Amino acid sequence: MAGPTTTRWRWLRSAVLAVLAAQIAVVGHLLGGGMMPDPGVVLTVAAIQCAALTGLAGKPHGFLRILGVMVGAQLVFHLMFMLSAHHDMPLNLRSMVLFHLLAALISAWLLADGDRLLFELFAGLCRILPRRWPPRPAVDSPLCWTASIGAGDLGRRVAELSTPRPRRGPPLTT
C-alpha cells in the first residue's frame, strides 16, 4: 500500500494546507480590521503556496515545523491582502498581527493533528490489509520509465525471444 508520501498524497496534503491557510488568513484578516481581500488574490497565493509546500509533504511534520510554515503563510497572505486592497480606514497593526498569529496557531494545530492521524491510518492499514500483490513501484520512480539492458545481454535476449519454444499442453498419445 502506498503511503501518504507519494506524489499524489503530497500534492493533496499541501493543497489542504494551502486552502486551510487561505481560509483562516481571510478570517484573521477580517477579525483584525482588514477589508475582504480579492478572491483572485486569495486563490493565487493559495496556489503558489500549494506548489511550494509540496516538497515539505514528503514526511510527517510536528506542530512546531507546521507552525513555522503557517506563520510564514500568514505573513505572505497579510502582505498580499494589504497590497491588493484599497484601504479607506487605518488598520490597527497590533490586532492584525495578533489575529494572523492566532490564525497560524489554529491552522498549525489542526494540520499537525490531521497529519499525525493520516500517517497513523496508513500504518494501521498496512498492518491490517493482506499483502497479496507485490508492491507497485511509485509513479515518479525512474524504474517505471526506463529499462536498462547491458550490451552483452541484448544479443542473448534477442536470441531467447527468437528461438521457437515447444508448445505446452497435454502429452501426445499415439
C-alpha atoms as a PDB file:
ATOM      1  CA  MET A   1       0.000   0.000   0.000  1.00  0.00           C
ATOM      2  CA  ALA A   2       1.356   3.390  -0.971  1.00  0.00           C
ATOM      3  CA  GLY A   3       1.793   5.772   1.916  1.00  0.00           C
ATOM      4  CA  PRO A   4       0.846   9.429   2.224  1.00  0.00           C
ATOM      5  CA  THR A   5       4.252  10.472   0.872  1.00  0.00           C
ATOM      6  CA  THR A   6       3.667   9.507  -2.757  1.00  0.00           C
ATOM      7  CA  THR A   7       3.384  12.318  -5.279  1.00  0.00           C
ATOM      8  CA  ARG A   8      -0.422  12.363  -5.268  1.00  0.00           C
ATOM      9  CA  TRP A   9      -0.640  12.374  -1.497  1.00  0.00           C
ATOM     10  CA  ARG A  10       1.991  15.106  -1.204  1.00  0.00           C
ATOM     11  CA  TRP A  11       0.001  17.300  -3.574  1.00  0.00           C
ATOM     12  CA  LEU A  12      -3.217  16.569  -1.681  1.00  0.00           C
ATOM     13  CA  ARG A  13      -1.634  17.285   1.706  1.00  0.00           C
ATOM     14  CA  SER A  14      -0.067  20.541   0.502  1.00  0.00           C
ATOM     15  CA  ALA A  15      -3.352  21.609  -1.139  1.00  0.00           C
ATOM     16  CA  VAL A  16      -5.214  21.038   2.130  1.00  0.00           C
ATOM     17  CA  LEU A  17      -2.575  23.037   3.989  1.00  0.00           C
ATOM     18  CA  ALA A  18      -2.732  25.915   1.484  1.00  0.00           C
ATOM     19  CA  VAL A  19      -6.537  26.038   1.402  1.00  0.00           C
ATOM     20  CA  LEU A  20      -6.801  25.929   5.182  1.00  0.00           C
ATOM     21  CA  ALA A  21      -4.145  28.628   5.500  1.00  0.00           C
ATOM     22  CA  ALA A  22      -6.005  30.803   2.990  1.00  0.00           C
ATOM     23  CA  GLN A  23      -9.377  30.436   4.707  1.00  0.00           C
ATOM     24  CA  ILE A  24      -8.006  31.112   8.161  1.00  0.00           C
ATOM     25  CA  ALA A  25      -5.930  34.029   6.827  1.00  0.00           C
ATOM     26  CA  VAL A  26      -9.056  35.672   5.416  1.00  0.00           C
ATOM     27  CA  VAL A  27     -10.898  35.217   8.720  1.00  0.00           C
ATOM     28  CA  GLY A  28      -7.903  36.501  10.703  1.00  0.00           C
ATOM     29  CA  HIS A  29      -7.555  39.469   8.365  1.00  0.00           C
ATOM     30  CA  LEU A  30     -11.235  40.372   8.715  1.00  0.00           C
ATOM     31  CA  LEU A  31     -11.192  39.961  12.502  1.00  0.00           C
ATOM     32  CA  GLY A  32      -8.090  42.146  12.661  1.00  0.00           C
ATOM     33  CA  GLY A  33      -9.943  45.006  10.992  1.00  0.00           C
ATOM     34  CA  GLY A  34      -8.969  44.472   7.367  1.00  0.00           C
ATOM     35  CA  MET A  35     -11.289  44.522   4.388  1.00  0.00           C
ATOM     36  CA  MET A  36     -12.372  41.440   2.466  1.00  0.00           C
ATOM     37  CA  PRO A  37      -9.465  40.545   0.167  1.00  0.00           C
ATOM     38  CA  ASP A  38      -9.939  39.972  -3.533  1.00  0.00           C
ATOM     39  CA  PRO A  39     -10.800  36.273  -4.128  1.00  0.00           C
ATOM     40  CA  GLY A  40      -8.351  36.158  -7.037  1.00  0.00           C
ATOM     41  CA  VAL A  41      -5.504  37.180  -4.728  1.00  0.00           C
ATOM     42  CA  VAL A  42      -6.535  34.550  -2.165  1.00  0.00           C
ATOM     43  CA  LEU A  43      -6.630  31.800  -4.824  1.00  0.00           C
ATOM     44  CA  THR A  44      -3.360  32.890  -6.416  1.00  0.00           C
ATOM     45  CA  VAL A  45      -1.447  32.959  -3.131  1.00  0.00           C
ATOM     46  CA  ALA A  46      -3.007  29.616  -2.092  1.00  0.00           C
ATOM     47  CA  ALA A  47      -1.963  28.011  -5.409  1.00  0.00           C
ATOM     48  CA  ILE A  48       1.609  29.317  -5.091  1.00  0.00           C
ATOM     49  CA  GLN A  49       1.819  28.069  -1.515  1.00  0.00           C
ATOM     50  CA  CYS A  50       0.424  24.680  -2.525  1.00  0.00           C
ATOM     51  CA  ALA A  51       3.169  24.276  -5.117  1.00  0.00           C
ATOM     52  CA  ALA A  52       5.839  25.467  -2.691  1.00  0.00           C
ATOM     53  CA  LEU A  53       4.666  23.237   0.154  1.00  0.00           C
ATOM     54  CA  THR A  54       4.598  20.027  -1.881  1.00  0.00           C
ATOM     55  CA  GLY A  55       8.296  19.488  -1.200  1.00  0.00           C
ATOM     56  CA  LEU A  56       7.678  19.642   2.546  1.00  0.00           C
ATOM     57  CA  ALA A  57       4.949  17.000   2.402  1.00  0.00           C
ATOM     58  CA  GLY A  58       7.404  14.140   1.856  1.00  0.00           C
ATOM     59  CA  LYS A  59       7.356  13.164   5.526  1.00  0.00           C
ATOM     60  CA  PRO A  60       5.243  13.819   8.607  1.00  0.00           C
ATOM     61  CA  HIS A  61       5.904  17.055  10.436  1.00  0.00           C
ATOM     62  CA  GLY A  62       5.253  18.063  14.000  1.00  0.00           C
ATOM     63  CA  PHE A  63       3.424  21.068  15.385  1.00  0.00           C
ATOM     64  CA  LEU A  64       6.429  23.408  15.573  1.00  0.00           C
ATOM     65  CA  ARG A  65       7.512  22.898  11.961  1.00  0.00           C
ATOM     66  CA  ILE A  66       3.951  23.315  10.704  1.00  0.00           C
ATOM     67  CA  LEU A  67       3.576  26.395  12.923  1.00  0.00           C
ATOM     68  CA  GLY A  68       6.659  27.935  11.319  1.00  0.00           C
ATOM     69  CA  VAL A  69       5.253  27.282   7.853  1.00  0.00           C
ATOM     70  CA  MET A  70       1.870  28.678   8.863  1.00  0.00           C
ATOM     71  CA  VAL A  71       3.363  31.863  10.357  1.00  0.00           C
ATOM     72  CA  GLY A  72       5.190  32.395   7.075  1.00  0.00           C
ATOM     73  CA  ALA A  73       1.998  31.693   5.137  1.00  0.00           C
ATOM     74  CA  GLN A  74       0.047  34.178   7.252  1.00  0.00           C
ATOM     75  CA  LEU A  75       2.718  36.809   6.656  1.00  0.00           C
ATOM     76  CA  VAL A  76       2.558  36.267   2.889  1.00  0.00           C
ATOM     77  CA  PHE A  77      -1.242  36.365   2.920  1.00  0.00           C
ATOM     78  CA  HIS A  78      -1.288  39.545   5.022  1.00  0.00           C
ATOM     79  CA  LEU A  79       1.195  41.318   2.740  1.00  0.00           C
ATOM     80  CA  MET A  80      -0.716  40.301  -0.381  1.00  0.00           C
ATOM     81  CA  PHE A  81      -4.025  41.362   1.182  1.00  0.00           C
ATOM     82  CA  MET A  82      -2.573  44.734   2.113  1.00  0.00           C
ATOM     83  CA  LEU A  83      -1.037  45.296  -1.334  1.00  0.00           C
ATOM     84  CA  SER A  84      -4.191  44.343  -3.207  1.00  0.00           C
ATOM     85  CA  ALA A  85      -6.737  46.233  -1.067  1.00  0.00           C
ATOM     86  CA  HIS A  86      -7.698  49.869  -1.184  1.00  0.00           C
ATOM     87  CA  HIS A  87      -7.977  50.868   2.466  1.00  0.00           C
ATOM     88  CA  ASP A  88     -10.245  53.730   3.491  1.00  0.00           C
ATOM     89  CA  MET A  89      -9.530  53.302   7.185  1.00  0.00           C
ATOM     90  CA  PRO A  90      -6.289  52.932   9.122  1.00  0.00           C
ATOM     91  CA  LEU A  91      -5.629  49.428  10.447  1.00  0.00           C
ATOM     92  CA  ASN A  92      -4.666  48.554  13.979  1.00  0.00           C
ATOM     93  CA  LEU A  93      -1.383  46.783  13.279  1.00  0.00           C
ATOM     94  CA  ARG A  94      -1.256  45.119  16.699  1.00  0.00           C
ATOM     95  CA  SER A  95      -4.685  43.495  16.366  1.00  0.00           C
ATOM     96  CA  MET A  96      -3.949  42.497  12.762  1.00  0.00           C
ATOM     97  CA  VAL A  97      -0.713  40.743  13.798  1.00  0.00           C
ATOM     98  CA  LEU A  98      -2.473  39.136  16.773  1.00  0.00           C
ATOM     99  CA  PHE A  99      -5.254  37.699  14.631  1.00  0.00           C
ATOM    100  CA  HIS A 100      -2.858  36.433  11.957  1.00  0.00           C
ATOM    101  CA  LEU A 101      -0.741  34.730  14.643  1.00  0.00           C
ATOM    102  CA  LEU A 102      -3.893  33.236  16.129  1.00  0.00           C
ATOM    103  CA  ALA A 103      -4.830  32.013  12.654  1.00  0.00           C
ATOM    104  CA  ALA A 104      -1.380  30.425  12.305  1.00  0.00           C
ATOM    105  CA  LEU A 105      -1.694  28.692  15.693  1.00  0.00           C
ATOM    106  CA  ILE A 106      -5.157  27.307  14.940  1.00  0.00           C
ATOM    107  CA  SER A 107      -4.240  26.045  11.475  1.00  0.00           C
ATOM    108  CA  ALA A 108      -0.946  24.522  12.691  1.00  0.00           C
ATOM    109  CA  TRP A 109      -2.768  22.692  15.473  1.00  0.00           C
ATOM    110  CA  LEU A 110      -5.382  21.317  13.050  1.00  0.00           C
ATOM    111  CA  LEU A 111      -2.842  20.353  10.422  1.00  0.00           C
ATOM    112  CA  ALA A 112      -0.394  18.708  12.834  1.00  0.00           C
ATOM    113  CA  ASP A 113      -3.167  16.534  14.263  1.00  0.00           C
ATOM    114  CA  GLY A 114      -4.502  15.742  10.798  1.00  0.00           C
ATOM    115  CA  ASP A 115      -1.038  14.851   9.508  1.00  0.00           C
ATOM    116  CA  ARG A 116      -0.359  12.606  12.504  1.00  0.00           C
ATOM    117  CA  LEU A 117      -3.736  10.861  12.103  1.00  0.00           C
ATOM    118  CA  LEU A 118      -3.193  10.337   8.384  1.00  0.00           C
ATOM    119  CA  PHE A 119       0.174   8.640   8.937  1.00  0.00           C
ATOM    120  CA  GLU A 120      -1.282   6.524  11.767  1.00  0.00           C
ATOM    121  CA  LEU A 121      -4.176   5.499   9.489  1.00  0.00           C
ATOM    122  CA  PHE A 122      -1.790   4.361   6.765  1.00  0.00           C
ATOM    123  CA  ALA A 123       0.380   2.491   9.263  1.00  0.00           C
ATOM    124  CA  GLY A 124      -2.700   0.726  10.648  1.00  0.00           C
ATOM    125  CA  LEU A 125      -3.970  -0.168   7.183  1.00  0.00           C
ATOM    126  CA  CYS A 126      -0.579  -1.609   6.252  1.00  0.00           C
ATOM    127  CA  ARG A 127      -0.738  -3.879   9.313  1.00  0.00           C
ATOM    128  CA  ILE A 128      -4.329  -4.980   8.689  1.00  0.00           C
ATOM    129  CA  LEU A 129      -4.581  -5.405   4.928  1.00  0.00           C
ATOM    130  CA  PRO A 130      -3.100  -8.588   3.488  1.00  0.00           C
ATOM    131  CA  ARG A 131      -0.173  -8.260   1.136  1.00  0.00           C
ATOM    132  CA  ARG A 132      -1.281 -10.425  -1.743  1.00  0.00           C
ATOM    133  CA  TRP A 133       0.289  -8.422  -4.520  1.00  0.00           C
ATOM    134  CA  PRO A 134       3.870  -7.265  -4.803  1.00  0.00           C
ATOM    135  CA  PRO A 135       4.200  -3.546  -4.150  1.00  0.00           C
ATOM    136  CA  ARG A 136       3.891  -1.398  -7.249  1.00  0.00           C
ATOM    137  CA  PRO A 137       6.725   0.998  -7.992  1.00  0.00           C
ATOM    138  CA  ALA A 138       5.975   4.650  -7.359  1.00  0.00           C
ATOM    139  CA  VAL A 139       4.827   6.648 -10.367  1.00  0.00           C
ATOM    140  CA  ASP A 140       7.770   9.012 -10.104  1.00  0.00           C
ATOM    141  CA  SER A 141      10.279   6.146  -9.842  1.00  0.00           C
ATOM    142  CA  PRO A 142      12.809   6.090 -12.681  1.00  0.00           C
ATOM    143  CA  LEU A 143      12.293   2.316 -12.959  1.00  0.00           C
ATOM    144  CA  CYS A 144       8.811   2.894 -14.338  1.00  0.00           C
ATOM    145  CA  TRP A 145      10.057   4.865 -17.299  1.00  0.00           C
ATOM    146  CA  THR A 146      13.371   3.304 -18.313  1.00  0.00           C
ATOM    147  CA  ALA A 147      14.811  -0.141 -18.714  1.00  0.00           C
ATOM    148  CA  SER A 148      18.497  -0.901 -18.595  1.00  0.00           C
ATOM    149  CA  ILE A 149      19.909  -3.704 -20.719  1.00  0.00           C
ATOM    150  CA  GLY A 150      23.636  -4.156 -20.995  1.00  0.00           C
ATOM    151  CA  ALA A 151      25.250  -4.569 -24.426  1.00  0.00           C
ATOM    152  CA  GLY A 152      26.134  -8.233 -23.735  1.00  0.00           C
ATOM    153  CA  ASP A 153      22.614  -9.020 -22.539  1.00  0.00           C
ATOM    154  CA  LEU A 154      20.959  -7.624 -25.644  1.00  0.00           C
ATOM    155  CA  GLY A 155      22.184 -10.351 -28.007  1.00  0.00           C
ATOM    156  CA  ARG A 156      21.246 -13.089 -25.561  1.00  0.00           C
ATOM    157  CA  ARG A 157      17.766 -11.616 -25.066  1.00  0.00           C
ATOM    158  CA  VAL A 158      17.130 -11.367 -28.813  1.00  0.00           C
ATOM    159  CA  ALA A 159      18.256 -14.985 -29.265  1.00  0.00           C
ATOM    160  CA  GLU A 160      15.964 -16.154 -26.456  1.00  0.00           C
ATOM    161  CA  LEU A 161      12.971 -14.358 -27.919  1.00  0.00           C
ATOM    162  CA  SER A 162      13.595 -15.555 -31.481  1.00  0.00           C
ATOM    163  CA  THR A 163      14.153 -19.240 -30.557  1.00  0.00           C
ATOM    164  CA  PRO A 164      10.954 -21.271 -31.027  1.00  0.00           C
ATOM    165  CA  ARG A 165       9.791 -22.977 -27.879  1.00  0.00           C
ATOM    166  CA  PRO A 166       7.736 -26.153 -27.760  1.00  0.00           C
ATOM    167  CA  ARG A 167       4.089 -25.574 -27.009  1.00  0.00           C
ATOM    168  CA  ARG A 168       2.880 -26.669 -23.649  1.00  0.00           C
ATOM    169  CA  GLY A 169      -0.182 -28.787 -23.245  1.00  0.00           C
ATOM    170  CA  PRO A 170      -1.263 -32.336 -22.613  1.00  0.00           C
ATOM    171  CA  PRO A 171       1.129 -35.083 -23.700  1.00  0.00           C
ATOM    172  CA  LEU A 172       0.636 -36.501 -27.152  1.00  0.00           C
ATOM    173  CA  THR A 173      -0.693 -40.060 -27.248  1.00  0.00           C
ATOM    174  CA  THR A 174      -0.063 -42.331 -30.211  1.00  0.00           C
END
